[in-house]
Amino acid sequence: MAATPTGPRTVPGEPWPTTLSLLLLLFLLPPTQVAATARRHPASEEVAFSRDVACGQRPVQGKILGGVDALERKWPWQVSVHYTGFHICGGSIVDEYWILSAAHCFDRSTNTEAYDIYVGLVDLQVAGNHTQWFEVNRVIIHPTYELYHPIGGDVALVQLKTRIVFSDAVLPICIAPPDLTLSNLSCWATGWGSISQQGDTSNTLQEAQLPLVPLHLCRQLYGQTSIQPDMLCAGSFRDMKTACEGDSGSPLVCEFNHTWVQIGVVSWGKGCTYPMFPTVFARVSFFSRWIQHHIENTPVPLQPLPALSPTPGAIINILMTSLAALSML
């Protein structure tokens, strides 16, 4: 059901001889030397916006390229962004009215009516018992995206017209705090993107465990100026696991003491064509204050008022009936 895929963007990297040598070295190193890292912060420091529901929780413990089918309710914050009726990107629930996604998922049209948001969805072809559909009220693009497009500032906040109804299959994710430090950490990416180098897709939500890649190694692969401070990299060199076309906007999440925290948003990379390259994510901790500011200061969409009184037509009918009754007296 996926239409024109919106995939991680591609930028020029280092010359191939240097890049291939580095990739070979990374492949030969033990996994502990390749993976990058997170020092645990107190749970109170994780940014949560939904006051009535704990963020980062899921009832199920437990294809992106190299990934496997995800169980229902395992990733309850996962979102599918549709454009003109087709899935184009992923996203994550961060509040009852708000979705976090990638800015480049929304640069094809300024018409919010062309976009639809689905939560509680695992199979793109079949709505589940927990699936909810929403219209978009507004899209807020990070200002640096417009300055440095197509690289940098690749985050967007999407406000829904109505609130999400939370359940054990639909829950918000915690947002990484600004001072979160990463180390020796392996995280999970989810999405409906391509599952092969030939561009094959799956209608079933895919999951893959991705170790983080140190920033200095990612810069050697993609070029020193391509990887900016608002980015982070993750991917498995040995297992060829990476994010592909259609995964853009989806979350990269890590578990801290049974609480899941989003640290990245799928942004760009070499995609499925060169799966040995890591995926580049927008670093959520870099944008957490911006996210918090807009969620806390943007007015809630106006909701339709309940019909507490008869309609004007009913009032006229009642009045005419009363006058007719009086004339008969």
Protein backbone atom coordinates (compact mmCIF):
# COMPACT_ATOMS: atom_id res chain seq x y z
CA MET A 1 0.00 0.00 0.00
CA ALA A 2 3.04 2.23 0.14
CA ALA A 3 3.20 4.79 -2.64
CA THR A 4 6.10 7.06 -3.60
CA PRO A 5 8.52 6.37 -0.75
CA THR A 6 9.93 9.17 1.31
CA GLY A 7 13.31 7.87 2.37
CA PRO A 8 16.33 9.02 4.30
CA ARG A 9 18.08 11.69 2.25
CA THR A 10 21.47 11.02 0.67
CA VAL A 11 24.49 13.30 0.74
CA PRO A 12 27.96 12.94 -0.81
CA GLY A 13 30.44 11.10 1.39
CA GLU A 14 34.18 10.52 1.47
CA PRO A 15 36.00 9.03 -1.58
CA TRP A 16 35.23 5.34 -1.99
CA PRO A 17 38.75 3.95 -1.24
CA THR A 18 38.84 5.67 2.15
CA THR A 19 35.26 4.74 2.92
CA LEU A 20 35.68 1.08 1.99
CA SER A 21 38.80 0.80 4.12
CA LEU A 22 36.98 2.26 7.10
CA LEU A 23 33.98 -0.03 6.60
CA LEU A 24 36.26 -3.06 6.47
CA LEU A 25 37.92 -1.98 9.70
CA LEU A 26 34.55 -1.48 11.41
CA PHE A 27 33.36 -4.88 10.24
CA LEU A 28 36.45 -6.59 11.71
CA LEU A 29 36.28 -4.82 15.06
CA PRO A 30 34.39 -6.48 17.93
CA PRO A 31 30.85 -5.09 18.34
CA THR A 32 31.76 -3.39 21.62
CA GLN A 33 34.29 -1.24 19.78
CA VAL A 34 31.80 -0.20 17.14
CA ALA A 35 28.81 0.61 19.32
CA ALA A 36 28.54 4.04 20.79
CA THR A 37 26.82 4.85 24.18
CA ALA A 38 24.04 6.35 27.41
CA ARG A 39 24.54 7.28 30.88
CA ARG A 40 21.30 6.77 32.76
CA HIS A 41 19.61 9.90 34.02
CA PRO A 42 16.94 9.81 36.73
CA ALA A 43 13.50 9.01 35.38
CA SER A 44 12.30 12.44 36.44
CA GLU A 45 14.65 14.00 33.88
CA GLU A 46 13.00 12.29 30.94
CA VAL A 47 10.67 14.64 29.14
CA ALA A 48 7.02 13.57 29.22
CA PHE A 49 4.07 15.62 28.00
CA SER A 50 1.01 13.44 28.59
CA ARG A 51 0.12 14.14 32.21
CA ASP A 52 -2.45 11.37 32.71
CA VAL A 53 -0.48 8.55 31.08
CA ALA A 54 3.10 7.46 31.81
CA CYS A 55 5.29 7.74 28.72
CA GLY A 56 7.68 5.08 27.48
CA GLN A 57 5.71 2.08 28.77
CA ARG A 58 4.47 -0.91 26.80
CA PRO A 59 2.51 -4.06 27.71
CA VAL A 60 4.47 -6.35 25.36
CA GLN A 61 8.13 -6.87 26.29
CA GLY A 62 10.07 -8.15 24.20
CA LYS A 63 11.25 -4.73 8.39
CA ILE A 64 13.48 -2.08 8.32
CA LEU A 65 16.25 -3.82 6.31
CA GLY A 66 17.33 -6.86 8.31
CA GLY A 67 14.38 -6.46 10.66
CA VAL A 68 11.50 -8.73 11.62
CA ASP A 69 7.75 -8.32 11.97
CA ALA A 70 6.80 -6.39 15.10
CA LEU A 71 4.14 -7.73 17.45
CA GLU A 72 0.98 -5.72 18.04
CA ARG A 73 1.25 -3.45 21.12
CA LYS A 74 5.05 -3.84 21.25
CA TRP A 75 5.70 -0.31 19.94
CA PRO A 76 2.53 1.57 21.01
CA TRP A 77 3.93 5.01 20.12
CA GLN A 78 4.53 4.15 16.44
CA VAL A 79 2.69 6.36 13.94
CA SER A 80 2.00 6.04 10.21
CA VAL A 81 1.91 9.30 8.26
CA HIS A 82 -0.21 9.13 5.11
CA TYR A 83 -0.19 11.57 2.20
CA THR A 84 -3.16 11.52 -0.20
CA GLY A 85 -4.11 8.13 1.17
CA PHE A 86 -0.71 6.39 1.13
CA HIS A 87 1.86 5.70 3.80
CA ILE A 88 4.94 7.88 3.26
CA CYS A 89 6.61 8.23 6.68
CA GLY A 90 6.62 7.16 10.28
CA GLY A 91 6.35 9.16 13.47
CA SER A 92 5.89 8.81 17.21
CA ILE A 93 3.27 9.83 19.77
CA VAL A 94 4.68 12.35 22.26
CA ASP A 95 1.43 13.80 23.61
CA GLU A 96 -2.33 13.29 23.27
CA TYR A 97 -2.41 15.97 20.53
CA TRP A 98 1.15 15.76 19.17
CA ILE A 99 3.22 13.60 16.81
CA LEU A 100 6.98 13.87 16.28
CA SER A 101 8.27 13.13 12.77
CA ALA A 102 10.83 14.31 10.19
CA ALA A 103 10.53 17.73 8.57
CA HIS A 104 11.20 16.40 5.06
CA CYS A 105 8.07 14.24 5.32
CA PHE A 106 6.00 17.44 5.12
CA ASP A 107 7.84 19.50 2.52
CA ARG A 108 5.83 18.18 -0.43
CA SER A 109 2.70 20.17 0.43
CA THR A 110 1.61 22.92 2.82
CA ASN A 111 -1.96 21.63 2.66
CA THR A 112 -2.54 19.85 5.97
CA GLU A 113 -5.72 18.26 4.59
CA ALA A 114 -3.55 16.06 2.35
CA TYR A 115 -2.07 14.31 5.41
CA ASP A 116 -3.62 11.71 7.71
CA ILE A 117 -2.19 10.22 10.88
CA TYR A 118 -2.78 6.64 12.04
CA VAL A 119 -1.91 5.26 15.48
CA GLY A 120 -2.36 1.74 16.84
CA LEU A 121 -1.56 0.38 13.39
CA VAL A 122 0.67 -2.63 12.63
CA ASP A 123 -0.56 -3.75 9.18
CA LEU A 124 -0.93 -0.96 6.62
CA GLN A 125 -3.68 -2.89 4.84
CA VAL A 126 -5.79 -3.83 7.85
CA ALA A 127 -6.96 -1.54 10.63
CA GLY A 128 -6.68 -3.26 13.99
CA ASN A 129 -8.90 -3.09 17.05
CA HIS A 130 -6.80 -0.23 18.42
CA THR A 131 -6.28 1.77 15.22
CA GLN A 132 -7.25 5.46 15.35
CA TRP A 133 -7.28 7.95 12.47
CA PHE A 134 -6.66 11.69 12.82
CA GLU A 135 -6.71 14.81 10.73
CA VAL A 136 -3.81 17.24 10.98
CA ASN A 137 -4.44 20.62 12.57
CA ARG A 138 -0.99 22.13 11.99
CA VAL A 139 2.60 21.19 11.19
CA ILE A 140 5.50 23.01 12.87
CA ILE A 141 8.87 22.64 11.12
CA HIS A 142 12.07 23.36 13.03
CA PRO A 143 13.45 26.72 11.81
CA THR A 144 16.96 25.37 11.12
CA TYR A 145 15.54 22.90 8.62
CA GLU A 146 14.55 25.78 6.38
CA LEU A 147 18.02 27.31 6.78
CA TYR A 148 20.12 24.19 6.19
CA HIS A 149 17.75 22.07 4.10
CA PRO A 150 18.20 19.29 3.11
CA ILE A 151 20.63 18.60 5.97
CA GLY A 152 20.01 19.48 9.61
CA GLY A 153 16.98 20.47 11.69
CA ASP A 154 15.02 17.57 10.23
CA VAL A 155 12.23 17.42 12.83
CA ALA A 156 8.56 18.36 12.69
CA LEU A 157 5.78 18.52 15.25
CA VAL A 158 2.31 17.60 14.04
CA GLN A 159 -0.70 18.77 16.02
CA LEU A 160 -3.85 16.69 15.60
CA LYS A 161 -7.37 18.12 15.41
CA THR A 162 -8.62 15.76 18.13
CA ARG A 163 -6.93 14.03 21.03
CA ILE A 164 -5.56 10.51 20.97
CA VAL A 165 -7.34 7.97 23.15
CA PHE A 166 -4.62 6.06 24.99
CA SER A 167 -4.80 2.32 25.64
CA ASP A 168 -2.35 -0.53 26.12
CA ALA A 169 -1.77 -0.43 22.33
CA VAL A 170 -1.57 3.36 21.93
CA LEU A 171 0.83 5.18 24.26
CA PRO A 172 3.29 8.11 24.15
CA ILE A 173 7.08 7.77 24.13
CA CYS A 174 9.32 9.72 26.51
CA ILE A 175 11.52 12.39 24.91
CA ALA A 176 15.26 12.36 25.61
CA PRO A 177 16.29 15.26 27.90
CA PRO A 178 18.77 17.86 26.60
CA ASP A 179 21.69 16.54 28.68
CA LEU A 180 21.31 12.85 27.83
CA THR A 181 24.74 11.28 27.27
CA LEU A 182 25.01 8.15 25.12
CA SER A 183 27.39 5.24 25.70
CA ASN A 184 27.42 1.42 25.22
CA LEU A 185 23.82 1.41 24.13
CA SER A 186 21.87 -0.58 21.55
CA CYS A 187 18.50 0.79 20.53
CA TRP A 188 15.53 -0.19 18.35
CA ALA A 189 14.24 1.35 15.14
CA THR A 190 10.78 0.63 13.72
CA GLY A 191 9.00 1.47 10.50
CA TRP A 192 7.30 0.33 7.28
CA GLY A 193 10.17 1.12 4.93
CA SER A 194 11.84 -1.08 2.31
CA ILE A 195 13.04 -4.48 3.54
CA SER A 196 15.46 -5.31 0.73
CA GLN A 197 18.03 -3.65 -1.52
CA GLN A 198 15.62 -4.23 -4.41
CA GLY A 199 13.02 -1.96 -2.79
CA ASP A 200 10.63 -4.67 -1.59
CA THR A 201 8.23 -3.41 1.06
CA SER A 202 6.21 -4.98 3.84
CA ASN A 203 2.77 -3.94 5.03
CA THR A 204 3.70 -5.18 8.50
CA LEU A 205 5.56 -2.91 10.91
CA GLN A 206 9.23 -3.90 11.07
CA GLU A 207 11.66 -3.69 13.99
CA ALA A 208 15.45 -3.89 14.14
CA GLN A 209 17.97 -3.53 16.95
CA LEU A 210 20.61 -0.97 15.95
CA PRO A 211 23.79 -0.20 17.88
CA LEU A 212 24.80 3.44 17.98
CA VAL A 213 27.81 4.51 15.93
CA PRO A 214 30.28 7.05 17.39
CA LEU A 215 29.96 10.46 15.78
CA HIS A 216 33.60 10.62 14.70
CA LEU A 217 33.26 7.32 12.81
CA CYS A 218 30.04 8.46 11.16
CA ARG A 219 31.79 11.66 10.05
CA GLN A 220 34.59 9.66 8.47
CA LEU A 221 32.01 7.69 6.51
CA TYR A 222 29.79 10.54 5.37
CA GLY A 223 32.19 13.47 5.49
CA GLN A 224 33.16 15.78 8.34
CA THR A 225 30.71 18.55 7.43
CA SER A 226 27.75 16.25 6.73
CA ILE A 227 27.23 15.05 10.30
CA GLN A 228 26.17 17.97 12.48
CA PRO A 229 25.71 18.24 16.27
CA ASP A 230 21.93 17.80 15.92
CA MET A 231 22.41 14.30 14.45
CA LEU A 232 23.37 10.82 15.64
CA CYS A 233 24.12 7.61 13.76
CA ALA A 234 23.06 3.99 14.27
CA GLY A 235 23.37 0.80 12.27
CA SER A 236 24.70 -2.73 12.31
CA PHE A 237 27.74 -3.22 10.07
CA ARG A 238 27.82 -6.98 10.59
CA ASP A 239 24.11 -7.72 10.13
CA MET A 240 23.51 -5.06 7.46
CA LYS A 241 20.62 -3.55 9.41
CA THR A 242 19.65 0.00 8.54
CA ALA A 243 16.66 2.24 7.88
CA CYS A 244 15.37 2.49 4.31
CA GLU A 245 12.97 4.43 2.12
CA GLY A 246 9.64 4.79 3.92
CA ASP A 247 11.19 4.70 7.41
CA SER A 248 11.72 8.47 7.56
CA GLY A 249 10.23 10.14 10.62
CA SER A 250 10.11 6.88 12.59
CA PRO A 251 11.62 6.75 16.08
CA LEU A 252 14.86 5.33 17.41
CA VAL A 253 14.17 4.32 21.01
CA CYS A 254 16.23 2.93 23.90
CA GLU A 255 15.18 1.35 27.19
CA PHE A 256 16.36 2.78 30.52
CA ASN A 257 15.25 0.82 33.60
CA HIS A 258 12.01 -0.38 31.94
CA THR A 259 11.22 3.07 30.49
CA TRP A 260 11.56 3.69 26.76
CA VAL A 261 13.02 6.98 25.58
CA GLN A 262 13.18 8.32 22.02
CA ILE A 263 16.66 9.52 21.10
CA GLY A 264 16.36 9.79 17.31
CA VAL A 265 14.13 10.47 14.30
CA VAL A 266 15.02 8.72 11.02
CA SER A 267 16.40 11.48 8.81
CA TRP A 268 18.80 10.46 6.02
CA GLY A 269 21.54 8.08 4.88
CA LYS A 270 22.59 5.81 2.05
CA GLY A 271 19.41 3.78 2.46
CA CYS A 272 19.01 0.16 1.38
CA THR A 273 21.40 0.62 -1.56
CA TYR A 274 24.39 0.71 0.79
CA PRO A 275 23.21 -1.07 3.96
CA MET A 276 26.72 -1.08 5.41
CA PHE A 277 26.36 2.66 6.03
CA PRO A 278 24.64 3.70 9.27
CA THR A 279 21.38 5.63 9.29
CA VAL A 280 21.56 9.27 10.33
CA PHE A 281 18.92 10.36 12.85
CA ALA A 282 17.87 13.77 14.10
CA ARG A 283 19.14 13.86 17.70
CA VAL A 284 15.99 14.29 19.82
CA SER A 285 17.84 15.60 22.90
CA PHE A 286 19.08 18.51 20.75
CA PHE A 287 15.46 19.49 19.99
CA SER A 288 13.75 18.55 23.28
CA ARG A 289 13.41 22.14 24.56
CA TRP A 290 11.95 23.23 21.21
CA ILE A 291 9.53 20.31 21.31
CA GLN A 292 8.50 21.08 24.89
CA HIS A 293 8.03 24.80 24.16
CA HIS A 294 5.61 24.24 21.28
CA ILE A 295 3.61 21.51 22.99
CA GLU A 296 3.16 23.59 26.14
CA ASN A 297 2.46 26.92 24.41
CA THR A 298 0.43 26.01 21.33
CA PRO A 299 -3.33 26.34 21.92
CA VAL A 300 -5.38 23.16 21.86
CA PRO A 301 -7.52 22.92 18.69
CA LEU A 302 -11.09 24.16 19.06
CA GLN A 303 -13.43 21.25 19.65
CA PRO A 304 -17.05 21.09 18.41
CA LEU A 305 -19.47 22.12 21.14
CA PRO A 306 -21.99 19.51 22.31
CA ALA A 307 -25.62 20.08 21.35
CA LEU A 308 -26.93 21.19 24.76
CA SER A 309 -30.00 23.00 23.37
CA PRO A 310 -32.51 22.36 20.57
CA THR A 311 -31.54 23.43 17.08
CA PRO A 312 -32.97 26.75 15.71
CA GLY A 313 -35.39 24.78 13.57
CA ALA A 314 -36.66 22.87 16.58
CA ILE A 315 -37.08 26.12 18.54
CA ILE A 316 -39.19 27.63 15.70
CA ASN A 317 -41.35 24.50 15.56
CA ILE A 318 -41.92 24.62 19.29
CA LEU A 319 -42.80 28.31 19.09
CA MET A 320 -45.26 27.79 16.19
CA THR A 321 -46.89 24.89 18.05
CA SER A 322 -47.29 27.04 21.18
CA LEU A 323 -48.82 29.91 19.19
CA ALA A 324 -51.23 27.51 17.49
CA ALA A 325 -52.26 26.15 20.87
CA LEU A 326 -52.85 29.68 22.21
CA SER A 327 -55.07 30.58 19.22
CA MET A 328 -57.32 27.65 20.03
CA LEU A 329 -57.96 28.85 23.56
